[in-house]
N, C-alpha and C. Protein backbone atom coordinates (compact mmCIF):
# COMPACT_ATOMS: atom_id res chain seq x y z
N MET A 1 24.08 8.04 5.14
CA MET A 1 22.76 8.07 4.54
C MET A 1 21.70 8.01 5.63
N SER A 2 20.63 8.73 5.45
CA SER A 2 19.59 8.77 6.47
C SER A 2 18.70 7.53 6.38
N GLU A 3 17.97 7.32 7.47
CA GLU A 3 17.03 6.19 7.52
C GLU A 3 15.94 6.38 6.47
N PRO A 4 15.46 5.29 5.88
CA PRO A 4 14.36 5.42 4.92
C PRO A 4 13.10 5.95 5.61
N LYS A 5 12.32 6.71 4.87
CA LYS A 5 11.01 7.15 5.33
C LYS A 5 10.07 5.96 5.28
N THR A 6 9.03 5.97 6.11
CA THR A 6 8.06 4.89 6.12
C THR A 6 6.71 5.38 5.61
N VAL A 7 6.17 4.64 4.65
CA VAL A 7 4.86 4.95 4.08
C VAL A 7 3.93 3.79 4.41
N LEU A 8 2.79 4.13 5.01
CA LEU A 8 1.74 3.14 5.27
C LEU A 8 0.67 3.29 4.19
N VAL A 9 0.41 2.21 3.48
CA VAL A 9 -0.67 2.20 2.50
C VAL A 9 -1.86 1.50 3.16
N LEU A 10 -2.96 2.22 3.27
CA LEU A 10 -4.11 1.76 4.03
C LEU A 10 -5.32 1.57 3.13
N CYS A 11 -5.97 0.42 3.26
CA CYS A 11 -7.24 0.18 2.58
C CYS A 11 -8.13 -0.61 3.53
N THR A 12 -9.21 -1.10 3.02
CA THR A 12 -10.15 -1.82 3.89
C THR A 12 -9.65 -3.24 4.17
N GLY A 13 -9.54 -4.06 3.11
CA GLY A 13 -9.23 -5.48 3.29
C GLY A 13 -7.76 -5.84 3.32
N ASN A 14 -6.89 -4.92 2.88
CA ASN A 14 -5.45 -5.18 2.84
C ASN A 14 -5.14 -6.49 2.11
N SER A 15 -5.86 -6.72 0.99
CA SER A 15 -5.63 -7.96 0.26
C SER A 15 -5.27 -7.74 -1.21
N CYS A 16 -5.48 -6.54 -1.73
CA CYS A 16 -5.20 -6.30 -3.16
C CYS A 16 -4.36 -5.04 -3.36
N ARG A 17 -5.03 -3.89 -3.41
CA ARG A 17 -4.37 -2.62 -3.76
C ARG A 17 -3.23 -2.27 -2.83
N SER A 18 -3.48 -2.31 -1.54
CA SER A 18 -2.43 -1.90 -0.59
C SER A 18 -1.25 -2.86 -0.60
N GLN A 19 -1.51 -4.14 -0.83
CA GLN A 19 -0.42 -5.12 -0.90
C GLN A 19 0.45 -4.86 -2.13
N MET A 20 -0.20 -4.59 -3.28
CA MET A 20 0.57 -4.29 -4.48
C MET A 20 1.36 -2.99 -4.31
N ALA A 21 0.74 -2.00 -3.67
CA ALA A 21 1.43 -0.73 -3.43
C ALA A 21 2.63 -0.93 -2.52
N GLU A 22 2.49 -1.73 -1.47
CA GLU A 22 3.61 -2.01 -0.56
C GLU A 22 4.78 -2.61 -1.34
N ALA A 23 4.50 -3.61 -2.16
CA ALA A 23 5.57 -4.27 -2.93
C ALA A 23 6.22 -3.30 -3.92
N LEU A 24 5.41 -2.47 -4.57
CA LEU A 24 5.95 -1.52 -5.54
C LEU A 24 6.80 -0.45 -4.87
N ILE A 25 6.35 0.07 -3.74
CA ILE A 25 7.14 1.06 -3.00
C ILE A 25 8.48 0.46 -2.61
N ASN A 26 8.44 -0.75 -2.05
CA ASN A 26 9.68 -1.38 -1.58
C ASN A 26 10.64 -1.71 -2.72
N HIS A 27 10.11 -1.89 -3.91
CA HIS A 27 10.96 -2.15 -5.07
C HIS A 27 11.43 -0.84 -5.71
N ASP A 28 10.49 0.02 -6.06
CA ASP A 28 10.83 1.23 -6.82
C ASP A 28 11.56 2.28 -5.99
N LEU A 29 11.32 2.31 -4.70
CA LEU A 29 11.93 3.33 -3.84
C LEU A 29 12.85 2.71 -2.79
N ALA A 30 13.38 1.54 -3.10
CA ALA A 30 14.25 0.81 -2.17
C ALA A 30 15.39 1.71 -1.69
N GLY A 31 15.63 1.66 -0.37
CA GLY A 31 16.69 2.45 0.22
C GLY A 31 16.25 3.84 0.64
N GLN A 32 15.19 4.36 0.01
CA GLN A 32 14.68 5.69 0.34
C GLN A 32 13.39 5.61 1.16
N VAL A 33 12.58 4.62 0.84
CA VAL A 33 11.26 4.50 1.47
C VAL A 33 11.01 3.04 1.81
N ARG A 34 10.45 2.84 3.00
CA ARG A 34 9.99 1.50 3.41
C ARG A 34 8.47 1.52 3.33
N GLY A 35 7.92 0.66 2.50
CA GLY A 35 6.47 0.56 2.38
C GLY A 35 5.92 -0.52 3.28
N ILE A 36 4.83 -0.19 3.96
CA ILE A 36 4.08 -1.17 4.74
C ILE A 36 2.61 -0.98 4.38
N SER A 37 1.80 -1.98 4.64
CA SER A 37 0.38 -1.85 4.34
C SER A 37 -0.43 -2.45 5.47
N ALA A 38 -1.68 -2.00 5.54
CA ALA A 38 -2.60 -2.52 6.55
C ALA A 38 -4.02 -2.24 6.10
N GLY A 39 -4.96 -2.83 6.82
CA GLY A 39 -6.37 -2.64 6.49
C GLY A 39 -7.19 -2.30 7.71
N THR A 40 -8.31 -1.63 7.46
CA THR A 40 -9.23 -1.32 8.56
C THR A 40 -10.05 -2.55 8.93
N ARG A 41 -10.25 -3.47 7.97
CA ARG A 41 -10.90 -4.75 8.20
C ARG A 41 -10.22 -5.79 7.32
N PRO A 42 -9.02 -6.24 7.73
CA PRO A 42 -8.23 -7.11 6.85
C PRO A 42 -8.88 -8.45 6.54
N GLN A 43 -8.66 -8.87 5.31
CA GLN A 43 -9.10 -10.18 4.83
C GLN A 43 -8.18 -11.27 5.38
N PRO A 44 -8.57 -12.53 5.26
CA PRO A 44 -7.72 -13.61 5.77
C PRO A 44 -6.42 -13.81 4.99
N ARG A 45 -6.41 -13.45 3.68
CA ARG A 45 -5.19 -13.66 2.90
C ARG A 45 -5.12 -12.67 1.74
N VAL A 46 -3.94 -12.55 1.17
CA VAL A 46 -3.73 -11.69 0.01
C VAL A 46 -4.40 -12.34 -1.20
N ALA A 47 -5.06 -11.55 -2.01
CA ALA A 47 -5.75 -12.06 -3.20
C ALA A 47 -4.75 -12.68 -4.18
N GLU A 48 -5.13 -13.82 -4.73
CA GLU A 48 -4.25 -14.52 -5.68
C GLU A 48 -3.90 -13.65 -6.87
N GLY A 49 -4.85 -12.83 -7.34
CA GLY A 49 -4.60 -11.95 -8.47
C GLY A 49 -3.52 -10.93 -8.17
N ALA A 50 -3.50 -10.42 -6.95
CA ALA A 50 -2.49 -9.45 -6.55
C ALA A 50 -1.11 -10.12 -6.53
N VAL A 51 -1.05 -11.30 -5.98
CA VAL A 51 0.22 -12.05 -5.92
C VAL A 51 0.71 -12.33 -7.34
N GLU A 52 -0.18 -12.80 -8.20
CA GLU A 52 0.23 -13.12 -9.57
C GLU A 52 0.66 -11.88 -10.34
N ALA A 53 -0.04 -10.77 -10.17
CA ALA A 53 0.32 -9.52 -10.86
C ALA A 53 1.72 -9.06 -10.43
N LEU A 54 2.05 -9.21 -9.17
CA LEU A 54 3.38 -8.84 -8.68
C LEU A 54 4.44 -9.80 -9.20
N LYS A 55 4.13 -11.10 -9.19
CA LYS A 55 5.09 -12.10 -9.68
C LYS A 55 5.40 -11.89 -11.15
N GLN A 56 4.39 -11.46 -11.93
CA GLN A 56 4.63 -11.23 -13.36
C GLN A 56 5.60 -10.08 -13.60
N MET A 57 5.76 -9.20 -12.62
CA MET A 57 6.75 -8.12 -12.71
C MET A 57 8.09 -8.56 -12.14
N GLY A 58 8.15 -9.76 -11.59
CA GLY A 58 9.37 -10.24 -10.97
C GLY A 58 9.55 -9.74 -9.55
N LEU A 59 8.47 -9.25 -8.94
CA LEU A 59 8.57 -8.74 -7.57
C LEU A 59 8.31 -9.85 -6.56
N PRO A 60 9.04 -9.83 -5.45
CA PRO A 60 8.83 -10.85 -4.42
C PRO A 60 7.49 -10.66 -3.72
N THR A 61 6.87 -11.78 -3.37
CA THR A 61 5.59 -11.73 -2.66
C THR A 61 5.67 -12.41 -1.30
N ASP A 62 6.83 -13.02 -1.00
CA ASP A 62 7.00 -13.64 0.31
C ASP A 62 6.88 -12.55 1.37
N GLY A 63 6.21 -12.85 2.43
CA GLY A 63 6.09 -11.89 3.52
C GLY A 63 4.89 -10.97 3.40
N LEU A 64 4.17 -11.02 2.28
CA LEU A 64 2.96 -10.21 2.16
C LEU A 64 1.81 -10.94 2.84
N TYR A 65 1.15 -10.28 3.76
CA TYR A 65 -0.01 -10.85 4.42
C TYR A 65 -0.86 -9.69 4.95
N PRO A 66 -2.18 -9.88 5.02
CA PRO A 66 -3.04 -8.82 5.53
C PRO A 66 -2.76 -8.54 7.01
N LYS A 67 -2.70 -7.24 7.33
CA LYS A 67 -2.44 -6.80 8.70
C LYS A 67 -3.50 -5.80 9.11
N ASP A 68 -3.85 -5.80 10.36
CA ASP A 68 -4.78 -4.82 10.90
C ASP A 68 -4.03 -3.53 11.18
N VAL A 69 -4.65 -2.41 10.90
CA VAL A 69 -3.99 -1.12 11.10
C VAL A 69 -3.52 -0.94 12.54
N ASP A 70 -4.19 -1.57 13.48
CA ASP A 70 -3.79 -1.46 14.89
C ASP A 70 -2.37 -1.96 15.12
N THR A 71 -1.89 -2.90 14.28
CA THR A 71 -0.55 -3.47 14.48
C THR A 71 0.56 -2.51 14.08
N VAL A 72 0.23 -1.44 13.35
CA VAL A 72 1.26 -0.49 12.90
C VAL A 72 1.05 0.92 13.47
N MET A 73 0.08 1.07 14.34
CA MET A 73 -0.28 2.38 14.87
C MET A 73 0.89 3.11 15.54
N HIS A 74 1.80 2.37 16.14
CA HIS A 74 2.89 3.00 16.88
C HIS A 74 4.21 2.98 16.13
N ASP A 75 4.17 2.55 14.86
CA ASP A 75 5.37 2.62 14.01
C ASP A 75 5.65 4.09 13.70
N ASP A 76 6.90 4.39 13.38
CA ASP A 76 7.25 5.74 12.93
C ASP A 76 6.87 5.87 11.47
N ILE A 77 5.69 6.42 11.22
CA ILE A 77 5.17 6.54 9.86
C ILE A 77 5.29 8.00 9.43
N ASP A 78 5.83 8.18 8.21
CA ASP A 78 6.03 9.53 7.68
C ASP A 78 4.89 9.97 6.76
N LEU A 79 4.17 9.00 6.19
CA LEU A 79 3.08 9.31 5.27
C LEU A 79 2.09 8.16 5.25
N VAL A 80 0.80 8.49 5.32
CA VAL A 80 -0.26 7.50 5.16
C VAL A 80 -0.93 7.77 3.82
N VAL A 81 -1.07 6.72 3.01
CA VAL A 81 -1.78 6.83 1.74
C VAL A 81 -2.99 5.92 1.81
N THR A 82 -4.18 6.51 1.78
CA THR A 82 -5.40 5.69 1.71
C THR A 82 -5.71 5.46 0.24
N VAL A 83 -6.02 4.20 -0.10
CA VAL A 83 -6.24 3.85 -1.50
C VAL A 83 -7.68 3.45 -1.79
N CYS A 84 -8.56 3.59 -0.80
CA CYS A 84 -9.98 3.38 -1.03
C CYS A 84 -10.76 4.37 -0.17
N ASP A 85 -11.95 4.72 -0.63
CA ASP A 85 -12.76 5.72 0.07
C ASP A 85 -13.12 5.29 1.48
N ASN A 86 -13.41 4.00 1.65
CA ASN A 86 -13.79 3.50 2.97
C ASN A 86 -12.65 3.68 3.98
N ALA A 87 -11.44 3.38 3.56
CA ALA A 87 -10.28 3.55 4.46
C ALA A 87 -10.07 5.02 4.78
N LYS A 88 -10.31 5.89 3.79
CA LYS A 88 -10.16 7.32 4.04
C LYS A 88 -11.15 7.76 5.13
N GLU A 89 -12.39 7.29 5.01
CA GLU A 89 -13.43 7.68 5.97
C GLU A 89 -13.19 7.11 7.36
N SER A 90 -12.59 5.92 7.42
CA SER A 90 -12.39 5.28 8.73
C SER A 90 -10.93 5.27 9.16
N CYS A 91 -10.11 6.11 8.54
CA CYS A 91 -8.68 6.19 8.89
C CYS A 91 -8.55 6.54 10.36
N PRO A 92 -7.81 5.75 11.11
CA PRO A 92 -7.69 6.01 12.55
C PRO A 92 -6.85 7.25 12.85
N ILE A 93 -6.95 7.70 14.05
CA ILE A 93 -6.12 8.80 14.54
C ILE A 93 -4.82 8.17 15.07
N PHE A 94 -3.71 8.60 14.51
CA PHE A 94 -2.42 8.04 14.92
C PHE A 94 -1.92 8.76 16.18
N PRO A 95 -1.07 8.09 16.97
CA PRO A 95 -0.59 8.66 18.23
C PRO A 95 0.18 9.97 18.05
N ARG A 96 0.76 10.16 16.87
CA ARG A 96 1.45 11.42 16.61
C ARG A 96 0.99 11.91 15.24
N PRO A 97 1.10 13.22 14.99
CA PRO A 97 0.66 13.75 13.70
C PRO A 97 1.39 13.08 12.54
N VAL A 98 0.66 12.72 11.52
CA VAL A 98 1.26 12.11 10.34
C VAL A 98 0.51 12.63 9.11
N LYS A 99 1.27 12.99 8.11
CA LYS A 99 0.69 13.48 6.87
C LYS A 99 -0.05 12.35 6.17
N SER A 100 -1.19 12.67 5.57
CA SER A 100 -1.91 11.65 4.83
C SER A 100 -2.43 12.22 3.51
N ILE A 101 -2.48 11.35 2.52
CA ILE A 101 -3.05 11.69 1.22
C ILE A 101 -4.01 10.58 0.81
N HIS A 102 -4.93 10.92 -0.07
CA HIS A 102 -5.91 9.94 -0.55
C HIS A 102 -5.75 9.78 -2.05
N LEU A 103 -5.45 8.54 -2.48
CA LEU A 103 -5.33 8.19 -3.89
C LEU A 103 -6.18 6.95 -4.14
N PRO A 104 -7.44 7.12 -4.49
CA PRO A 104 -8.29 5.93 -4.67
C PRO A 104 -7.96 5.17 -5.96
N PHE A 105 -8.05 3.85 -5.86
CA PHE A 105 -7.85 2.96 -7.00
C PHE A 105 -9.01 1.97 -7.04
N HIS A 106 -9.33 1.50 -8.24
CA HIS A 106 -10.37 0.49 -8.43
C HIS A 106 -10.02 -0.77 -7.63
N ASP A 107 -11.01 -1.40 -7.04
CA ASP A 107 -10.79 -2.65 -6.30
C ASP A 107 -10.96 -3.83 -7.25
N PRO A 108 -9.88 -4.54 -7.58
CA PRO A 108 -9.97 -5.66 -8.53
C PRO A 108 -10.39 -6.98 -7.89
N HIS A 109 -10.66 -6.98 -6.60
CA HIS A 109 -10.98 -8.23 -5.88
C HIS A 109 -12.09 -9.00 -6.61
N GLY A 110 -11.83 -10.26 -6.90
CA GLY A 110 -12.82 -11.12 -7.55
C GLY A 110 -12.87 -10.98 -9.06
N GLU A 111 -12.04 -10.11 -9.61
CA GLU A 111 -12.03 -9.90 -11.06
C GLU A 111 -10.88 -10.69 -11.70
N PRO A 112 -10.86 -10.74 -13.04
CA PRO A 112 -9.77 -11.46 -13.73
C PRO A 112 -8.41 -10.82 -13.50
N LEU A 113 -7.36 -11.58 -13.76
CA LEU A 113 -5.99 -11.13 -13.56
C LEU A 113 -5.71 -9.82 -14.29
N GLU A 114 -6.27 -9.64 -15.47
CA GLU A 114 -6.04 -8.41 -16.24
C GLU A 114 -6.42 -7.17 -15.43
N SER A 115 -7.46 -7.27 -14.62
CA SER A 115 -7.89 -6.15 -13.79
C SER A 115 -6.83 -5.84 -12.72
N PHE A 116 -6.26 -6.86 -12.12
CA PHE A 116 -5.19 -6.67 -11.13
C PHE A 116 -3.97 -6.01 -11.78
N ILE A 117 -3.65 -6.44 -12.99
CA ILE A 117 -2.50 -5.88 -13.70
C ILE A 117 -2.74 -4.40 -14.01
N ARG A 118 -3.95 -4.06 -14.44
CA ARG A 118 -4.29 -2.66 -14.72
C ARG A 118 -4.14 -1.81 -13.46
N VAL A 119 -4.67 -2.32 -12.34
CA VAL A 119 -4.60 -1.57 -11.08
C VAL A 119 -3.15 -1.48 -10.62
N ARG A 120 -2.40 -2.56 -10.73
CA ARG A 120 -0.96 -2.54 -10.37
C ARG A 120 -0.23 -1.45 -11.14
N ASP A 121 -0.47 -1.40 -12.44
CA ASP A 121 0.21 -0.41 -13.28
C ASP A 121 -0.24 1.01 -12.94
N GLU A 122 -1.50 1.19 -12.61
CA GLU A 122 -2.00 2.51 -12.22
C GLU A 122 -1.39 2.93 -10.88
N ILE A 123 -1.27 1.99 -9.95
CA ILE A 123 -0.62 2.29 -8.67
C ILE A 123 0.81 2.76 -8.91
N ARG A 124 1.52 2.05 -9.76
CA ARG A 124 2.90 2.42 -10.05
C ARG A 124 2.98 3.81 -10.69
N ALA A 125 2.06 4.09 -11.60
CA ALA A 125 2.09 5.36 -12.33
C ALA A 125 1.67 6.55 -11.46
N ARG A 126 0.76 6.35 -10.52
CA ARG A 126 0.24 7.47 -9.72
C ARG A 126 0.79 7.53 -8.30
N LEU A 127 0.88 6.39 -7.63
CA LEU A 127 1.24 6.38 -6.22
C LEU A 127 2.73 6.63 -6.00
N ILE A 128 3.57 6.01 -6.80
CA ILE A 128 5.02 6.18 -6.61
C ILE A 128 5.42 7.66 -6.76
N PRO A 129 4.99 8.36 -7.83
CA PRO A 129 5.33 9.79 -7.92
C PRO A 129 4.73 10.62 -6.78
N ALA A 130 3.54 10.27 -6.33
CA ALA A 130 2.91 11.01 -5.23
C ALA A 130 3.70 10.83 -3.94
N VAL A 131 4.20 9.63 -3.70
CA VAL A 131 5.02 9.38 -2.50
C VAL A 131 6.31 10.19 -2.60
N ARG A 132 6.95 10.16 -3.75
CA ARG A 132 8.18 10.94 -3.95
C ARG A 132 7.93 12.42 -3.66
N GLU A 133 6.85 12.95 -4.22
CA GLU A 133 6.54 14.37 -4.06
C GLU A 133 6.24 14.71 -2.60
N ASN A 134 5.44 13.89 -1.94
CA ASN A 134 5.03 14.19 -0.57
C ASN A 134 6.14 14.01 0.44
N LEU A 135 7.13 13.19 0.12
CA LEU A 135 8.27 12.99 1.01
C LEU A 135 9.49 13.79 0.58
N GLY A 136 9.39 14.48 -0.53
CA GLY A 136 10.50 15.30 -1.00
C GLY A 136 11.72 14.51 -1.43
N ILE A 137 11.50 13.37 -2.09
CA ILE A 137 12.62 12.54 -2.55
C ILE A 137 12.61 12.43 -4.07
């Protein structure tokens, strides 16, 4: 079996949308795709709503923490997915060519848990199929 493809989910704060996307990719596409996430201006911690929304699905949240995009610049990345307009505009130039797509999602930061759950479900419904399609899996 071949090595899993790596998908970087990039947003500004790396505290909500990209963290939920990372966990969903690693769960739904386990063995085929490795999801990682980062931010252009990472927050100090993952939003509690994002953690709770993932836990309600039974997904692990250990190991999720905001990372600066600079820490993953030299990873072998097969696809970059920007999930907010700001990250799309400030997406860095990677050392080697990498395919990128833009799938914006509402930012639930500071909103009730229901908003995080809605965004989580939308990420699962739109991002997972887009990753499959763009990586040919």
